[in-house]
């Protein structure tokens, strides 16, 4: 299988993996994009706020905020006050979600290798 076919296969599998590992349904694409962005940010040592997640997901700031709060309440994400600006909150993956994302990335990496 050539590289482009492997990428296509990995893209097709991402929904299945997000459903199995994180409980996200296909209709929750914006949430999946937020989780991917938070995973990438963590790997790069960056921090994310609500406005950045809204931009990533394509949702309005208000809708992205509500969806993020739902994911915090479900234990998927953690929310902390920004130490540099207490008026602002930073969002990150919970340990459980990060672990599950590690497994998803490993499975997608295996698809790309084969």
N, C-alpha and C. Protein backbone atom coordinates (compact mmCIF):
# COMPACT_ATOMS: atom_id res chain seq x y z
N UNK A 1 0.85 -1.17 0.00
CA UNK A 1 0.00 0.00 0.00
C UNK A 1 0.90 1.24 0.00
N UNK A 2 0.64 2.19 -0.90
CA UNK A 2 1.49 3.38 -0.93
C UNK A 2 1.09 4.36 0.18
N UNK A 3 1.91 5.37 0.37
CA UNK A 3 1.73 6.32 1.49
C UNK A 3 0.35 7.00 1.44
N UNK A 4 -0.11 7.42 0.27
CA UNK A 4 -1.41 8.09 0.18
C UNK A 4 -2.55 7.15 0.54
N UNK A 5 -2.46 5.92 0.15
CA UNK A 5 -3.49 4.95 0.52
C UNK A 5 -3.49 4.71 2.02
N UNK A 6 -2.30 4.66 2.62
CA UNK A 6 -2.21 4.46 4.07
C UNK A 6 -2.80 5.66 4.81
N UNK A 7 -2.54 6.86 4.31
CA UNK A 7 -3.11 8.05 4.93
C UNK A 7 -4.64 8.02 4.82
N UNK A 8 -5.16 7.66 3.66
CA UNK A 8 -6.61 7.55 3.48
C UNK A 8 -7.20 6.53 4.45
N UNK A 9 -6.55 5.40 4.60
CA UNK A 9 -7.03 4.37 5.52
C UNK A 9 -7.01 4.88 6.96
N UNK A 10 -5.94 5.59 7.33
CA UNK A 10 -5.85 6.13 8.68
C UNK A 10 -6.96 7.16 8.93
N UNK A 11 -7.23 7.99 7.94
CA UNK A 11 -8.30 8.98 8.07
C UNK A 11 -9.66 8.31 8.22
N UNK A 12 -9.88 7.23 7.49
CA UNK A 12 -11.14 6.51 7.61
C UNK A 12 -11.28 5.87 8.98
N UNK A 13 -10.19 5.39 9.54
CA UNK A 13 -10.22 4.69 10.83
C UNK A 13 -10.34 5.64 12.03
N UNK A 14 -10.01 6.92 11.84
CA UNK A 14 -9.99 7.82 12.99
C UNK A 14 -11.36 7.93 13.66
N UNK A 15 -12.44 7.92 12.89
CA UNK A 15 -13.77 8.00 13.51
C UNK A 15 -14.04 6.77 14.37
N UNK A 16 -13.72 5.60 13.84
CA UNK A 16 -13.95 4.36 14.58
C UNK A 16 -13.15 4.37 15.87
N UNK A 17 -11.91 4.79 15.80
CA UNK A 17 -11.06 4.83 16.99
C UNK A 17 -11.56 5.86 18.00
N UNK A 18 -12.01 7.02 17.52
CA UNK A 18 -12.54 8.04 18.42
C UNK A 18 -13.80 7.54 19.12
N UNK A 19 -14.60 6.78 18.39
CA UNK A 19 -15.82 6.21 19.00
C UNK A 19 -15.46 5.15 20.03
N UNK A 20 -14.57 4.24 19.66
CA UNK A 20 -14.21 3.14 20.57
C UNK A 20 -13.45 3.60 21.80
N UNK A 21 -12.47 4.46 21.61
CA UNK A 21 -11.56 4.83 22.71
C UNK A 21 -12.06 6.02 23.53
N UNK A 22 -12.79 6.96 22.88
CA UNK A 22 -13.19 8.18 23.58
C UNK A 22 -14.70 8.33 23.74
N UNK A 23 -15.46 7.48 23.07
CA UNK A 23 -16.91 7.59 23.15
C UNK A 23 -17.50 8.73 22.33
N UNK A 24 -16.71 9.30 21.43
CA UNK A 24 -17.20 10.38 20.57
C UNK A 24 -17.89 9.80 19.35
N UNK A 25 -19.09 10.28 19.08
CA UNK A 25 -19.83 9.82 17.91
C UNK A 25 -19.42 10.64 16.69
N UNK A 26 -19.76 10.14 15.51
CA UNK A 26 -19.39 10.83 14.28
C UNK A 26 -19.92 12.26 14.22
N UNK A 27 -21.08 12.49 14.82
CA UNK A 27 -21.65 13.84 14.79
C UNK A 27 -20.86 14.81 15.67
N UNK A 28 -19.93 14.28 16.44
CA UNK A 28 -19.13 15.11 17.34
C UNK A 28 -17.77 15.47 16.74
N UNK A 29 -17.74 15.71 15.45
CA UNK A 29 -16.50 16.06 14.76
C UNK A 29 -15.81 17.27 15.40
N UNK A 30 -16.55 18.36 15.73
CA UNK A 30 -15.85 19.50 16.36
C UNK A 30 -15.13 19.11 17.65
N UNK A 31 -15.75 18.26 18.47
CA UNK A 31 -15.11 17.82 19.70
C UNK A 31 -13.84 17.01 19.39
N UNK A 32 -13.91 16.16 18.38
CA UNK A 32 -12.75 15.37 17.98
C UNK A 32 -11.61 16.30 17.56
N UNK A 33 -11.94 17.36 16.80
CA UNK A 33 -10.91 18.31 16.38
C UNK A 33 -10.30 19.03 17.59
N UNK A 34 -11.13 19.34 18.58
CA UNK A 34 -10.61 19.97 19.80
C UNK A 34 -9.67 19.03 20.55
N UNK A 35 -10.05 17.76 20.65
CA UNK A 35 -9.21 16.79 21.35
C UNK A 35 -7.88 16.62 20.61
N UNK A 36 -7.92 16.56 19.30
CA UNK A 36 -6.68 16.45 18.52
C UNK A 36 -5.80 17.67 18.77
N UNK A 37 -6.41 18.86 18.75
CA UNK A 37 -5.64 20.08 18.96
C UNK A 37 -5.03 20.12 20.36
N UNK A 38 -5.77 19.70 21.36
CA UNK A 38 -5.23 19.66 22.72
C UNK A 38 -4.12 18.63 22.86
N UNK A 39 -4.25 17.51 22.17
CA UNK A 39 -3.20 16.49 22.19
C UNK A 39 -1.92 17.05 21.55
N UNK A 40 -2.09 17.69 20.40
CA UNK A 40 -0.93 18.28 19.70
C UNK A 40 -0.30 19.37 20.56
N UNK A 41 -1.12 20.20 21.18
CA UNK A 41 -0.60 21.29 22.01
C UNK A 41 0.22 20.74 23.18
N UNK A 42 -0.28 19.67 23.80
CA UNK A 42 0.44 19.07 24.91
C UNK A 42 1.79 18.52 24.47
N UNK A 43 1.80 17.89 23.31
CA UNK A 43 3.05 17.33 22.79
C UNK A 43 4.07 18.43 22.49
N UNK A 44 3.56 19.63 22.18
CA UNK A 44 4.45 20.75 21.86
C UNK A 44 4.69 21.67 23.04
N UNK A 45 4.16 21.31 24.22
CA UNK A 45 4.34 22.12 25.41
C UNK A 45 3.55 23.42 25.39
N UNK A 46 2.48 23.46 24.60
CA UNK A 46 1.66 24.67 24.50
C UNK A 46 0.42 24.54 25.38
N UNK A 47 -0.23 25.67 25.63
CA UNK A 47 -1.46 25.69 26.40
C UNK A 47 -2.56 26.27 25.52
N UNK A 48 -3.79 25.81 25.74
CA UNK A 48 -4.92 26.25 24.93
C UNK A 48 -6.00 26.88 25.79
N UNK A 49 -6.60 27.93 25.26
CA UNK A 49 -7.75 28.56 25.89
C UNK A 49 -9.00 28.27 25.06
N UNK A 50 -10.13 28.74 25.54
CA UNK A 50 -11.40 28.46 24.87
C UNK A 50 -11.47 29.05 23.47
N UNK A 51 -10.92 30.25 23.28
CA UNK A 51 -10.99 30.89 21.95
C UNK A 51 -10.22 30.08 20.91
N UNK A 52 -9.08 29.55 21.29
CA UNK A 52 -8.30 28.74 20.36
C UNK A 52 -9.06 27.47 19.98
N UNK A 53 -9.76 26.88 20.94
CA UNK A 53 -10.54 25.67 20.65
C UNK A 53 -11.72 25.98 19.74
N UNK A 54 -12.31 27.15 19.91
CA UNK A 54 -13.40 27.55 19.03
C UNK A 54 -12.90 27.67 17.59
N UNK A 55 -11.74 28.26 17.42
CA UNK A 55 -11.16 28.41 16.09
C UNK A 55 -10.86 27.05 15.47
N UNK A 56 -10.32 26.15 16.26
CA UNK A 56 -9.99 24.80 15.77
C UNK A 56 -11.22 24.05 15.32
N UNK A 57 -12.29 24.15 16.11
CA UNK A 57 -13.49 23.35 15.87
C UNK A 57 -14.40 23.92 14.79
N UNK A 58 -14.23 25.21 14.49
CA UNK A 58 -15.12 25.84 13.54
C UNK A 58 -16.44 26.27 14.17
N UNK A 59 -16.56 26.14 15.48
CA UNK A 59 -17.77 26.52 16.19
C UNK A 59 -17.66 27.97 16.67
N UNK A 60 -18.79 28.56 16.99
CA UNK A 60 -18.75 29.88 17.61
C UNK A 60 -18.08 29.74 18.97
N UNK A 61 -17.59 30.84 19.51
CA UNK A 61 -16.94 30.79 20.82
C UNK A 61 -17.89 30.27 21.88
N UNK A 62 -19.15 30.72 21.84
CA UNK A 62 -20.13 30.30 22.85
C UNK A 62 -20.41 28.80 22.75
N UNK A 63 -20.59 28.30 21.54
CA UNK A 63 -20.87 26.87 21.36
C UNK A 63 -19.65 26.03 21.74
N UNK A 64 -18.47 26.48 21.33
CA UNK A 64 -17.25 25.75 21.70
C UNK A 64 -17.07 25.73 23.22
N UNK A 65 -17.40 26.84 23.88
CA UNK A 65 -17.31 26.89 25.33
C UNK A 65 -18.26 25.86 25.96
N UNK A 66 -19.50 25.82 25.49
CA UNK A 66 -20.47 24.85 26.04
C UNK A 66 -20.00 23.42 25.82
N UNK A 67 -19.53 23.13 24.62
CA UNK A 67 -19.08 21.76 24.33
C UNK A 67 -17.85 21.40 25.17
N UNK A 68 -16.97 22.36 25.36
CA UNK A 68 -15.78 22.12 26.18
C UNK A 68 -16.17 21.85 27.63
N UNK A 69 -17.11 22.63 28.14
CA UNK A 69 -17.59 22.41 29.52
C UNK A 69 -18.22 21.02 29.64
N UNK A 70 -18.96 20.59 28.62
CA UNK A 70 -19.53 19.24 28.64
C UNK A 70 -18.43 18.19 28.72
N UNK A 71 -17.35 18.39 27.98
CA UNK A 71 -16.23 17.43 28.01
C UNK A 71 -15.49 17.49 29.34
N UNK A 72 -15.42 18.66 29.96
CA UNK A 72 -14.82 18.78 31.30
C UNK A 72 -15.67 18.01 32.29
N UNK A 73 -16.99 18.23 32.22
CA UNK A 73 -17.91 17.53 33.14
C UNK A 73 -17.85 16.02 32.95
N UNK A 74 -17.59 15.57 31.72
CA UNK A 74 -17.51 14.13 31.44
C UNK A 74 -16.15 13.54 31.82
N UNK A 75 -15.22 14.39 32.26
CA UNK A 75 -13.90 13.89 32.66
C UNK A 75 -12.91 13.75 31.52
N UNK A 76 -13.27 14.22 30.32
CA UNK A 76 -12.36 14.12 29.18
C UNK A 76 -11.28 15.20 29.21
N UNK A 77 -11.63 16.37 29.75
CA UNK A 77 -10.72 17.51 29.77
C UNK A 77 -10.57 18.04 31.18
N UNK A 78 -9.48 18.75 31.40
CA UNK A 78 -9.23 19.45 32.66
C UNK A 78 -9.21 20.95 32.38
N UNK A 79 -9.65 21.72 33.37
CA UNK A 79 -9.68 23.17 33.24
C UNK A 79 -8.95 23.76 34.43
N UNK A 80 -8.02 24.69 34.14
CA UNK A 80 -7.26 25.36 35.20
C UNK A 80 -7.19 26.84 34.90
N UNK A 81 -7.07 27.63 35.95
CA UNK A 81 -6.89 29.07 35.77
C UNK A 81 -5.51 29.32 35.17
N UNK A 82 -5.43 30.26 34.25
CA UNK A 82 -4.16 30.66 33.66
C UNK A 82 -3.35 31.38 34.73
N UNK A 83 -2.16 30.88 35.08
CA UNK A 83 -1.37 31.52 36.13
C UNK A 83 -0.93 32.94 35.76
N UNK A 84 -0.89 33.25 34.47
CA UNK A 84 -0.48 34.58 34.03
C UNK A 84 -1.65 35.56 33.95
N UNK A 85 -2.87 35.03 33.85
CA UNK A 85 -4.07 35.87 33.75
C UNK A 85 -5.23 35.11 34.36
N UNK A 86 -5.51 35.35 35.62
CA UNK A 86 -6.53 34.59 36.36
C UNK A 86 -7.93 34.71 35.75
N UNK A 87 -8.16 35.68 34.89
CA UNK A 87 -9.48 35.83 34.26
C UNK A 87 -9.68 34.78 33.18
N UNK A 88 -8.63 34.17 32.76
CA UNK A 88 -8.64 33.23 31.66
C UNK A 88 -8.46 31.80 32.16
N UNK A 89 -9.11 30.85 31.51
CA UNK A 89 -8.94 29.42 31.84
C UNK A 89 -8.19 28.72 30.73
N UNK A 90 -7.39 27.76 31.12
CA UNK A 90 -6.68 26.92 30.16
C UNK A 90 -7.29 25.52 30.21
N UNK A 91 -7.34 24.89 29.08
CA UNK A 91 -7.95 23.57 28.95
C UNK A 91 -6.88 22.59 28.49
N UNK A 92 -6.92 21.38 29.05
CA UNK A 92 -5.99 20.33 28.64
C UNK A 92 -6.72 18.99 28.69
N UNK A 93 -6.11 17.99 28.08
CA UNK A 93 -6.67 16.64 28.13
C UNK A 93 -6.51 16.09 29.54
N UNK A 94 -7.51 15.37 30.01
CA UNK A 94 -7.35 14.65 31.27
C UNK A 94 -6.33 13.54 31.05
N UNK A 95 -5.79 13.01 32.12
CA UNK A 95 -4.82 11.91 31.99
C UNK A 95 -5.44 10.73 31.26
N UNK A 96 -6.69 10.42 31.57
CA UNK A 96 -7.39 9.30 30.93
C UNK A 96 -7.51 9.52 29.42
N UNK A 97 -7.90 10.73 29.02
CA UNK A 97 -8.06 11.02 27.60
C UNK A 97 -6.72 11.03 26.90
N UNK A 98 -5.69 11.57 27.54
CA UNK A 98 -4.36 11.56 26.92
C UNK A 98 -3.89 10.14 26.68
N UNK A 99 -4.11 9.26 27.65
CA UNK A 99 -3.72 7.86 27.50
C UNK A 99 -4.47 7.22 26.33
N UNK A 100 -5.75 7.49 26.24
CA UNK A 100 -6.54 6.93 25.14
C UNK A 100 -6.09 7.50 23.80
N UNK A 101 -5.75 8.78 23.78
CA UNK A 101 -5.25 9.38 22.54
C UNK A 101 -3.90 8.78 22.15
N UNK A 102 -3.06 8.46 23.13
CA UNK A 102 -1.80 7.78 22.82
C UNK A 102 -2.08 6.46 22.08
N UNK A 103 -3.08 5.72 22.55
CA UNK A 103 -3.43 4.45 21.90
C UNK A 103 -3.96 4.70 20.48
N UNK A 104 -4.80 5.70 20.33
CA UNK A 104 -5.33 6.02 19.00
C UNK A 104 -4.19 6.39 18.05
N UNK A 105 -3.28 7.23 18.51
CA UNK A 105 -2.16 7.64 17.66
C UNK A 105 -1.27 6.45 17.30
N UNK A 106 -1.07 5.55 18.26
CA UNK A 106 -0.29 4.35 17.97
C UNK A 106 -0.96 3.49 16.90
N UNK A 107 -2.28 3.33 17.01
CA UNK A 107 -3.01 2.53 16.01
C UNK A 107 -2.97 3.20 14.64
N UNK A 108 -3.15 4.51 14.60
CA UNK A 108 -3.08 5.21 13.31
C UNK A 108 -1.66 5.13 12.75
N UNK A 109 -0.67 5.22 13.63
CA UNK A 109 0.73 5.09 13.17
C UNK A 109 0.99 3.72 12.58
N UNK A 110 0.41 2.68 13.18
CA UNK A 110 0.56 1.32 12.64
C UNK A 110 -0.04 1.23 11.24
N UNK A 111 -1.21 1.86 11.04
CA UNK A 111 -1.85 1.86 9.73
C UNK A 111 -0.93 2.54 8.71
N UNK A 112 -0.31 3.63 9.08
CA UNK A 112 0.56 4.36 8.16
C UNK A 112 1.84 3.59 7.84
N UNK A 113 2.31 2.77 8.78
CA UNK A 113 3.53 1.99 8.55
C UNK A 113 3.29 0.84 7.58
N UNK A 114 2.13 0.26 7.65
CA UNK A 114 1.87 -0.96 6.85
C UNK A 114 1.40 -0.66 5.46
